[in-house]
Amino acid sequence: MTQKAIRLTIHGRVQGVGFRYYTAQKAQELHITGWVKNQYNSTVLVEAEGESPDLDTFIDWCHLGPPRAQVQEVQKQEIPVQGWDGFVVRSF
């Protein structure tokens, strides 16, 4: 299997609902590496990499988010694989 990497910008009610922490939990569950952080424009930014099927499952989850989130749009961009170790929650 080959590693893929993506950048997601997630729009909607995605701050103040635990989005980053649920995202990190889901990433660890799926063996996805990378990071997640809130942005000043009220979106959440994710850079993630992993095996294609796992990454696809992770992206599908990001379209839903945690229970209190209301995801309106997910912008996806393929990026070069970075070789991250683990998945971290970043601050602004």
PDB file of N, CA and C in Angstrom:
ATOM      1  N   MET A   1       0.846  -1.192   0.000  1.00  0.00           N
ATOM      2  CA  MET A   1       0.000   0.000   0.000  1.00  0.00           C
ATOM      3  C   MET A   1       0.885   1.247   0.000  1.00  0.00           C
ATOM      4  N   THR A   2       0.372   2.268  -0.595  1.00  0.00           N
ATOM      5  CA  THR A   2       1.148   3.500  -0.641  1.00  0.00           C
ATOM      6  C   THR A   2       0.557   4.548   0.291  1.00  0.00           C
ATOM      7  N   GLN A   3       1.430   5.373   0.794  1.00  0.00           N
ATOM      8  CA  GLN A   3       1.021   6.478   1.666  1.00  0.00           C
ATOM      9  C   GLN A   3       0.504   7.626   0.806  1.00  0.00           C
ATOM     10  N   LYS A   4      -0.548   8.260   1.277  1.00  0.00           N
ATOM     11  CA  LYS A   4      -1.094   9.466   0.664  1.00  0.00           C
ATOM     12  C   LYS A   4      -1.167  10.534   1.740  1.00  0.00           C
ATOM     13  N   ALA A   5      -1.126  11.784   1.331  1.00  0.00           N
ATOM     14  CA  ALA A   5      -1.259  12.883   2.289  1.00  0.00           C
ATOM     15  C   ALA A   5      -2.254  13.903   1.743  1.00  0.00           C
ATOM     16  N   ILE A   6      -3.043  14.476   2.661  1.00  0.00           N
ATOM     17  CA  ILE A   6      -4.057  15.453   2.269  1.00  0.00           C
ATOM     18  C   ILE A   6      -4.099  16.606   3.269  1.00  0.00           C
ATOM     19  N   ARG A   7      -4.583  17.740   2.772  1.00  0.00           N
ATOM     20  CA  ARG A   7      -4.891  18.892   3.629  1.00  0.00           C
ATOM     21  C   ARG A   7      -6.392  19.117   3.511  1.00  0.00           C
ATOM     22  N   LEU A   8      -7.057  19.190   4.656  1.00  0.00           N
ATOM     23  CA  LEU A   8      -8.495  19.443   4.683  1.00  0.00           C
ATOM     24  C   LEU A   8      -8.765  20.762   5.387  1.00  0.00           C
ATOM     25  N   THR A   9      -9.609  21.579   4.806  1.00  0.00           N
ATOM     26  CA  THR A   9     -10.121  22.772   5.476  1.00  0.00           C
ATOM     27  C   THR A   9     -11.598  22.511   5.701  1.00  0.00           C
ATOM     28  N   ILE A  10     -11.989  22.491   6.974  1.00  0.00           N
ATOM     29  CA  ILE A  10     -13.341  22.076   7.347  1.00  0.00           C
ATOM     30  C   ILE A  10     -14.125  23.298   7.823  1.00  0.00           C
ATOM     31  N   HIS A  11     -15.250  23.538   7.156  1.00  0.00           N
ATOM     32  CA  HIS A  11     -16.094  24.703   7.427  1.00  0.00           C
ATOM     33  C   HIS A  11     -17.380  24.279   8.126  1.00  0.00           C
ATOM     34  N   GLY A  12     -17.949  25.182   8.887  1.00  0.00           N
ATOM     35  CA  GLY A  12     -19.215  24.931   9.572  1.00  0.00           C
ATOM     36  C   GLY A  12     -19.059  25.243  11.050  1.00  0.00           C
ATOM     37  N   ARG A  13     -19.918  24.605  11.870  1.00  0.00           N
ATOM     38  CA  ARG A  13     -19.758  24.767  13.318  1.00  0.00           C
ATOM     39  C   ARG A  13     -18.765  23.705  13.764  1.00  0.00           C
ATOM     40  N   VAL A  14     -17.488  24.067  13.701  1.00  0.00           N
ATOM     41  CA  VAL A  14     -16.423  23.087  13.939  1.00  0.00           C
ATOM     42  C   VAL A  14     -15.444  23.521  15.025  1.00  0.00           C
ATOM     43  N   GLN A  15     -15.672  24.692  15.621  1.00  0.00           N
ATOM     44  CA  GLN A  15     -14.856  25.116  16.757  1.00  0.00           C
ATOM     45  C   GLN A  15     -15.751  25.167  17.995  1.00  0.00           C
ATOM     46  N   GLY A  16     -15.170  24.805  19.134  1.00  0.00           N
ATOM     47  CA  GLY A  16     -15.930  24.813  20.372  1.00  0.00           C
ATOM     48  C   GLY A  16     -16.798  23.574  20.545  1.00  0.00           C
ATOM     49  N   VAL A  17     -16.570  22.556  19.717  1.00  0.00           N
ATOM     50  CA  VAL A  17     -17.371  21.328  19.790  1.00  0.00           C
ATOM     51  C   VAL A  17     -16.478  20.092  19.969  1.00  0.00           C
ATOM     52  N   GLY A  18     -15.201  20.307  20.278  1.00  0.00           N
ATOM     53  CA  GLY A  18     -14.280  19.188  20.482  1.00  0.00           C
ATOM     54  C   GLY A  18     -13.774  18.568  19.191  1.00  0.00           C
ATOM     55  N   PHE A  19     -13.911  19.301  18.093  1.00  0.00           N
ATOM     56  CA  PHE A  19     -13.567  18.739  16.774  1.00  0.00           C
ATOM     57  C   PHE A  19     -12.125  18.250  16.723  1.00  0.00           C
ATOM     58  N   ARG A  20     -11.199  19.070  17.230  1.00  0.00           N
ATOM     59  CA  ARG A  20      -9.780  18.684  17.142  1.00  0.00           C
ATOM     60  C   ARG A  20      -9.489  17.410  17.922  1.00  0.00           C
ATOM     61  N   TYR A  21     -10.080  17.279  19.093  1.00  0.00           N
ATOM     62  CA  TYR A  21      -9.779  16.116  19.938  1.00  0.00           C
ATOM     63  C   TYR A  21     -10.415  14.845  19.387  1.00  0.00           C
ATOM     64  N   TYR A  22     -11.639  14.952  18.876  1.00  0.00           N
ATOM     65  CA  TYR A  22     -12.268  13.795  18.236  1.00  0.00           C
ATOM     66  C   TYR A  22     -11.494  13.403  16.970  1.00  0.00           C
ATOM     67  N   THR A  23     -11.015  14.410  16.241  1.00  0.00           N
ATOM     68  CA  THR A  23     -10.244  14.143  15.023  1.00  0.00           C
ATOM     69  C   THR A  23      -8.966  13.382  15.357  1.00  0.00           C
ATOM     70  N   ALA A  24      -8.273  13.812  16.400  1.00  0.00           N
ATOM     71  CA  ALA A  24      -7.039  13.129  16.813  1.00  0.00           C
ATOM     72  C   ALA A  24      -7.341  11.692  17.230  1.00  0.00           C
ATOM     73  N   GLN A  25      -8.441  11.498  17.944  1.00  0.00           N
ATOM     74  CA  GLN A  25      -8.831  10.158  18.379  1.00  0.00           C
ATOM     75  C   GLN A  25      -9.112   9.259  17.171  1.00  0.00           C
ATOM     76  N   LYS A  26      -9.850   9.777  16.189  1.00  0.00           N
ATOM     77  CA  LYS A  26     -10.182   9.006  14.988  1.00  0.00           C
ATOM     78  C   LYS A  26      -8.906   8.707  14.192  1.00  0.00           C
ATOM     79  N   ALA A  27      -8.006   9.677  14.104  1.00  0.00           N
ATOM     80  CA  ALA A  27      -6.747   9.478  13.376  1.00  0.00           C
ATOM     81  C   ALA A  27      -5.936   8.347  14.013  1.00  0.00           C
ATOM     82  N   GLN A  28      -5.839   8.367  15.333  1.00  0.00           N
ATOM     83  CA  GLN A  28      -5.067   7.328  16.018  1.00  0.00           C
ATOM     84  C   GLN A  28      -5.697   5.956  15.810  1.00  0.00           C
ATOM     85  N   GLU A  29      -7.009   5.908  15.842  1.00  0.00           N
ATOM     86  CA  GLU A  29      -7.752   4.669  15.604  1.00  0.00           C
ATOM     87  C   GLU A  29      -7.430   4.083  14.225  1.00  0.00           C
ATOM     88  N   LEU A  30      -7.273   4.971  13.221  1.00  0.00           N
ATOM     89  CA  LEU A  30      -7.061   4.555  11.839  1.00  0.00           C
ATOM     90  C   LEU A  30      -5.582   4.543  11.430  1.00  0.00           C
ATOM     91  N   HIS A  31      -4.676   4.786  12.396  1.00  0.00           N
ATOM     92  CA  HIS A  31      -3.227   4.830  12.120  1.00  0.00           C
ATOM     93  C   HIS A  31      -2.873   5.929  11.111  1.00  0.00           C
ATOM     94  N   ILE A  32      -3.541   7.070  11.267  1.00  0.00           N
ATOM     95  CA  ILE A  32      -3.281   8.256  10.445  1.00  0.00           C
ATOM     96  C   ILE A  32      -2.326   9.156  11.223  1.00  0.00           C
ATOM     97  N   THR A  33      -1.336   9.721  10.532  1.00  0.00           N
ATOM     98  CA  THR A  33      -0.414  10.658  11.181  1.00  0.00           C
ATOM     99  C   THR A  33      -0.674  12.065  10.649  1.00  0.00           C
ATOM    100  N   GLY A  34      -0.220  13.064  11.405  1.00  0.00           N
ATOM    101  CA  GLY A  34      -0.386  14.446  10.991  1.00  0.00           C
ATOM    102  C   GLY A  34      -0.798  15.336  12.135  1.00  0.00           C
ATOM    103  N   TRP A  35      -1.651  16.329  11.845  1.00  0.00           N
ATOM    104  CA  TRP A  35      -2.057  17.288  12.873  1.00  0.00           C
ATOM    105  C   TRP A  35      -3.385  17.941  12.511  1.00  0.00           C
ATOM    106  N   VAL A  36      -3.981  18.582  13.524  1.00  0.00           N
ATOM    107  CA  VAL A  36      -5.226  19.332  13.354  1.00  0.00           C
ATOM    108  C   VAL A  36      -5.121  20.610  14.173  1.00  0.00           C
ATOM    109  N   LYS A  37      -5.676  21.705  13.652  1.00  0.00           N
ATOM    110  CA  LYS A  37      -5.692  22.952  14.431  1.00  0.00           C
ATOM    111  C   LYS A  37      -6.860  23.831  14.012  1.00  0.00           C
ATOM    112  N   ASN A  38      -7.305  24.671  14.950  1.00  0.00           N
ATOM    113  CA  ASN A  38      -8.295  25.700  14.647  1.00  0.00           C
ATOM    114  C   ASN A  38      -7.603  26.834  13.913  1.00  0.00           C
ATOM    115  N   GLN A  39      -8.351  27.498  13.047  1.00  0.00           N
ATOM    116  CA  GLN A  39      -7.831  28.675  12.366  1.00  0.00           C
ATOM    117  C   GLN A  39      -8.654  29.890  12.800  1.00  0.00           C
ATOM    118  N   TYR A  40      -8.080  31.071  12.613  1.00  0.00           N
ATOM    119  CA  TYR A  40      -8.745  32.303  13.051  1.00  0.00           C
ATOM    120  C   TYR A  40     -10.033  32.595  12.282  1.00  0.00           C
ATOM    121  N   ASN A  41     -10.203  31.998  11.101  1.00  0.00           N
ATOM    122  CA  ASN A  41     -11.423  32.243  10.317  1.00  0.00           C
ATOM    123  C   ASN A  41     -12.538  31.245  10.653  1.00  0.00           C
ATOM    124  N   SER A  42     -12.429  30.580  11.818  1.00  0.00           N
ATOM    125  CA  SER A  42     -13.440  29.649  12.333  1.00  0.00           C
ATOM    126  C   SER A  42     -13.481  28.301  11.604  1.00  0.00           C
ATOM    127  N   THR A  43     -12.476  28.018  10.786  1.00  0.00           N
ATOM    128  CA  THR A  43     -12.390  26.696  10.171  1.00  0.00           C
ATOM    129  C   THR A  43     -11.420  25.839  10.976  1.00  0.00           C
ATOM    130  N   VAL A  44     -11.389  24.552  10.648  1.00  0.00           N
ATOM    131  CA  VAL A  44     -10.408  23.631  11.216  1.00  0.00           C
ATOM    132  C   VAL A  44      -9.544  23.147  10.066  1.00  0.00           C
ATOM    133  N   LEU A  45      -8.236  23.158  10.272  1.00  0.00           N
ATOM    134  CA  LEU A  45      -7.281  22.716   9.258  1.00  0.00           C
ATOM    135  C   LEU A  45      -6.669  21.400   9.707  1.00  0.00           C
ATOM    136  N   VAL A  46      -6.626  20.429   8.783  1.00  0.00           N
ATOM    137  CA  VAL A  46      -6.066  19.117   9.070  1.00  0.00           C
ATOM    138  C   VAL A  46      -5.045  18.782   7.995  1.00  0.00           C
ATOM    139  N   GLU A  47      -3.884  18.302   8.397  1.00  0.00           N
ATOM    140  CA  GLU A  47      -2.965  17.668   7.461  1.00  0.00           C
ATOM    141  C   GLU A  47      -2.778  16.253   7.957  1.00  0.00           C
ATOM    142  N   ALA A  48      -3.031  15.298   7.081  1.00  0.00           N
ATOM    143  CA  ALA A  48      -3.038  13.901   7.495  1.00  0.00           C
ATOM    144  C   ALA A  48      -2.457  13.024   6.404  1.00  0.00           C
ATOM    145  N   GLU A  49      -1.845  11.926   6.837  1.00  0.00           N
ATOM    146  CA  GLU A  49      -1.353  10.968   5.864  1.00  0.00           C
ATOM    147  C   GLU A  49      -1.500   9.557   6.392  1.00  0.00           C
ATOM    148  N   GLY A  50      -1.617   8.640   5.462  1.00  0.00           N
ATOM    149  CA  GLY A  50      -1.770   7.241   5.818  1.00  0.00           C
ATOM    150  C   GLY A  50      -2.024   6.414   4.579  1.00  0.00           C
ATOM    151  N   GLU A  51      -2.315   5.141   4.787  1.00  0.00           N
ATOM    152  CA  GLU A  51      -2.657   4.249   3.680  1.00  0.00           C
ATOM    153  C   GLU A  51      -3.981   4.705   3.077  1.00  0.00           C
ATOM    154  N   SER A  52      -4.123   4.575   1.760  1.00  0.00           N
ATOM    155  CA  SER A  52      -5.315   5.078   1.059  1.00  0.00           C
ATOM    156  C   SER A  52      -6.648   4.688   1.691  1.00  0.00           C
ATOM    157  N   PRO A  53      -6.925   3.402   1.975  1.00  0.00           N
ATOM    158  CA  PRO A  53      -8.245   3.065   2.525  1.00  0.00           C
ATOM    159  C   PRO A  53      -8.496   3.720   3.892  1.00  0.00           C
ATOM    160  N   ASP A  54      -7.466   3.761   4.742  1.00  0.00           N
ATOM    161  CA  ASP A  54      -7.597   4.382   6.062  1.00  0.00           C
ATOM    162  C   ASP A  54      -7.826   5.882   5.925  1.00  0.00           C
ATOM    163  N   LEU A  55      -7.085   6.501   5.024  1.00  0.00           N
ATOM    164  CA  LEU A  55      -7.208   7.947   4.814  1.00  0.00           C
ATOM    165  C   LEU A  55      -8.602   8.280   4.275  1.00  0.00           C
ATOM    166  N   ASP A  56      -9.118   7.441   3.376  1.00  0.00           N
ATOM    167  CA  ASP A  56     -10.468   7.667   2.835  1.00  0.00           C
ATOM    168  C   ASP A  56     -11.511   7.584   3.946  1.00  0.00           C
ATOM    169  N   THR A  57     -11.367   6.616   4.843  1.00  0.00           N
ATOM    170  CA  THR A  57     -12.284   6.481   5.979  1.00  0.00           C
ATOM    171  C   THR A  57     -12.198   7.716   6.876  1.00  0.00           C
ATOM    172  N   PHE A  58     -10.968   8.194   7.107  1.00  0.00           N
ATOM    173  CA  PHE A  58     -10.742   9.391   7.924  1.00  0.00           C
ATOM    174  C   PHE A  58     -11.404  10.615   7.288  1.00  0.00           C
ATOM    175  N   ILE A  59     -11.247  10.779   5.982  1.00  0.00           N
ATOM    176  CA  ILE A  59     -11.853  11.914   5.266  1.00  0.00           C
ATOM    177  C   ILE A  59     -13.375  11.848   5.371  1.00  0.00           C
ATOM    178  N   ASP A  60     -13.927  10.643   5.200  1.00  0.00           N
ATOM    179  CA  ASP A  60     -15.385  10.478   5.338  1.00  0.00           C
ATOM    180  C   ASP A  60     -15.839  10.918   6.726  1.00  0.00           C
ATOM    181  N   TRP A  61     -15.068  10.528   7.755  1.00  0.00           N
ATOM    182  CA  TRP A  61     -15.424  10.922   9.124  1.00  0.00           C
ATOM    183  C   TRP A  61     -15.383  12.441   9.279  1.00  0.00           C
ATOM    184  N   CYS A  62     -14.382  13.088   8.667  1.00  0.00           N
ATOM    185  CA  CYS A  62     -14.250  14.552   8.770  1.00  0.00           C
ATOM    186  C   CYS A  62     -15.447  15.279   8.163  1.00  0.00           C
ATOM    187  N   HIS A  63     -16.139  14.648   7.208  1.00  0.00           N
ATOM    188  CA  HIS A  63     -17.349  15.251   6.642  1.00  0.00           C
ATOM    189  C   HIS A  63     -18.500  15.257   7.655  1.00  0.00           C
ATOM    190  N   LEU A  64     -18.408  14.386   8.658  1.00  0.00           N
ATOM    191  CA  LEU A  64     -19.445  14.305   9.699  1.00  0.00           C
ATOM    192  C   LEU A  64     -19.003  15.025  10.970  1.00  0.00           C
ATOM    193  N   GLY A  65     -17.785  14.715  11.426  1.00  0.00           N
ATOM    194  CA  GLY A  65     -17.260  15.309  12.643  1.00  0.00           C
ATOM    195  C   GLY A  65     -17.900  14.716  13.880  1.00  0.00           C
ATOM    196  N   PRO A  66     -17.572  15.275  15.050  1.00  0.00           N
ATOM    197  CA  PRO A  66     -18.129  14.784  16.310  1.00  0.00           C
ATOM    198  C   PRO A  66     -19.605  15.174  16.445  1.00  0.00           C
ATOM    199  N   PRO A  67     -20.287  14.624  17.462  1.00  0.00           N
ATOM    200  CA  PRO A  67     -21.742  14.826  17.606  1.00  0.00           C
ATOM    201  C   PRO A  67     -22.232  16.269  17.547  1.00  0.00           C
ATOM    202  N   ARG A  68     -21.536  17.221  18.167  1.00  0.00           N
ATOM    203  CA  ARG A  68     -22.058  18.599  18.224  1.00  0.00           C
ATOM    204  C   ARG A  68     -21.624  19.463  17.044  1.00  0.00           C
ATOM    205  N   ALA A  69     -20.794  18.928  16.171  1.00  0.00           N
ATOM    206  CA  ALA A  69     -20.333  19.693  15.003  1.00  0.00           C
ATOM    207  C   ALA A  69     -21.401  19.707  13.920  1.00  0.00           C
ATOM    208  N   GLN A  70     -21.353  20.747  13.096  1.00  0.00           N
ATOM    209  CA  GLN A  70     -22.192  20.819  11.890  1.00  0.00           C
ATOM    210  C   GLN A  70     -21.275  21.183  10.733  1.00  0.00           C
ATOM    211  N   VAL A  71     -20.769  20.164  10.052  1.00  0.00           N
ATOM    212  CA  VAL A  71     -19.840  20.380   8.939  1.00  0.00           C
ATOM    213  C   VAL A  71     -20.634  20.810   7.716  1.00  0.00           C
ATOM    214  N   GLN A  72     -20.243  21.952   7.144  1.00  0.00           N
ATOM    215  CA  GLN A  72     -20.931  22.456   5.955  1.00  0.00           C
ATOM    216  C   GLN A  72     -20.144  22.149   4.686  1.00  0.00           C
ATOM    217  N   GLU A  73     -18.825  22.179   4.789  1.00  0.00           N
ATOM    218  CA  GLU A  73     -17.992  21.979   3.601  1.00  0.00           C
ATOM    219  C   GLU A  73     -16.627  21.466   4.034  1.00  0.00           C
ATOM    220  N   VAL A  74     -16.054  20.576   3.213  1.00  0.00           N
ATOM    221  CA  VAL A  74     -14.691  20.104   3.431  1.00  0.00           C
ATOM    222  C   VAL A  74     -13.929  20.302   2.124  1.00  0.00           C
ATOM    223  N   GLN A  75     -12.929  21.173   2.170  1.00  0.00           N
ATOM    224  CA  GLN A  75     -12.076  21.378   1.002  1.00  0.00           C
ATOM    225  C   GLN A  75     -10.880  20.445   1.143  1.00  0.00           C
ATOM    226  N   LYS A  76     -10.581  19.683   0.092  1.00  0.00           N
ATOM    227  CA  LYS A  76      -9.515  18.684   0.146  1.00  0.00           C
ATOM    228  C   LYS A  76      -8.454  19.004  -0.896  1.00  0.00           C
ATOM    229  N   GLN A  77      -7.210  18.875  -0.484  1.00  0.00           N
ATOM    230  CA  GLN A  77      -6.093  19.115  -1.387  1.00  0.00           C
ATOM    231  C   GLN A  77      -5.039  18.037  -1.120  1.00  0.00           C
ATOM    232  N   GLU A  78      -4.553  17.389  -2.171  1.00  0.00           N
ATOM    233  CA  GLU A  78      -3.476  16.422  -1.985  1.00  0.00           C
ATOM    234  C   GLU A  78      -2.178  17.190  -1.790  1.00  0.00           C
ATOM    235  N   ILE A  79      -1.357  16.713  -0.871  1.00  0.00           N
ATOM    236  CA  ILE A  79      -0.069  17.342  -0.571  1.00  0.00           C
ATOM    237  C   ILE A  79       1.006  16.261  -0.540  1.00  0.00           C
ATOM    238  N   PRO A  80       2.275  16.651  -0.592  1.00  0.00           N
ATOM    239  CA  PRO A  80       3.346  15.648  -0.509  1.00  0.00           C
ATOM    240  C   PRO A  80       3.354  14.964   0.866  1.00  0.00           C
ATOM    241  N   VAL A  81       3.714  13.700   0.886  1.00  0.00           N
ATOM    242  CA  VAL A  81       3.835  12.945   2.135  1.00  0.00           C
ATOM    243  C   VAL A  81       4.963  13.554   2.963  1.00  0.00           C
ATOM    244  N   GLN A  82       4.687  13.790   4.254  1.00  0.00           N
ATOM    245  CA  GLN A  82       5.638  14.464   5.142  1.00  0.00           C
ATOM    246  C   GLN A  82       6.398  13.509   6.067  1.00  0.00           C
ATOM    247  N   GLY A  83       5.869  12.321   6.275  1.00  0.00           N
ATOM    248  CA  GLY A  83       6.519  11.375   7.179  1.00  0.00           C
ATOM    249  C   GLY A  83       6.346  11.734   8.652  1.00  0.00           C
ATOM    250  N   TRP A  84       5.154  12.237   9.027  1.00  0.00           N
ATOM    251  CA  TRP A  84       4.902  12.602  10.422  1.00  0.00           C
ATOM    252  C   TRP A  84       4.938  11.388  11.327  1.00  0.00           C
ATOM    253  N   ASP A  85       5.190  11.648  12.579  1.00  0.00           N
ATOM    254  CA  ASP A  85       5.201  10.623  13.605  1.00  0.00           C
ATOM    255  C   ASP A  85       4.048  10.910  14.560  1.00  0.00           C
ATOM    256  N   GLY A  86       2.989  10.121  14.515  1.00  0.00           N
ATOM    257  CA  GLY A  86       1.846  10.350  15.389  1.00  0.00           C
ATOM    258  C   GLY A  86       0.921  11.417  14.852  1.00  0.00           C
ATOM    259  N   PHE A  87      -0.107  11.752  15.638  1.00  0.00           N
ATOM    260  CA  PHE A  87      -1.088  12.760  15.247  1.00  0.00           C
ATOM    261  C   PHE A  87      -1.264  13.707  16.429  1.00  0.00           C
ATOM    262  N   VAL A  88      -1.112  15.011  16.193  1.00  0.00           N
ATOM    263  CA  VAL A  88      -1.141  15.973  17.287  1.00  0.00           C
ATOM    264  C   VAL A  88      -2.209  17.047  17.078  1.00  0.00           C
ATOM    265  N   VAL A  89      -2.684  17.574  18.179  1.00  0.00           N
ATOM    266  CA  VAL A  89      -3.588  18.726  18.184  1.00  0.00           C
ATOM    267  C   VAL A  89      -2.721  19.962  18.377  1.00  0.00           C
ATOM    268  N   ARG A  90      -2.807  20.876  17.441  1.00  0.00           N
ATOM    269  CA  ARG A  90      -2.043  22.129  17.536  1.00  0.00           C
ATOM    270  C   ARG A  90      -2.965  23.259  17.947  1.00  0.00           C
ATOM    271  N   SER A  91      -2.365  24.276  18.591  1.00  0.00           N
ATOM    272  CA  SER A  91      -3.146  25.490  18.859  1.00  0.00           C
ATOM    273  C   SER A  91      -2.975  26.405  17.646  1.00  0.00           C
ATOM    274  N   PHE A  92      -3.611  27.561  17.661  1.00  0.00           N
ATOM    275  CA  PHE A  92      -3.584  28.480  16.520  1.00  0.00           C
ATOM    276  C   PHE A  92      -2.204  28.658  15.942  1.00  0.00           C
TER     277      PHE A  92
END
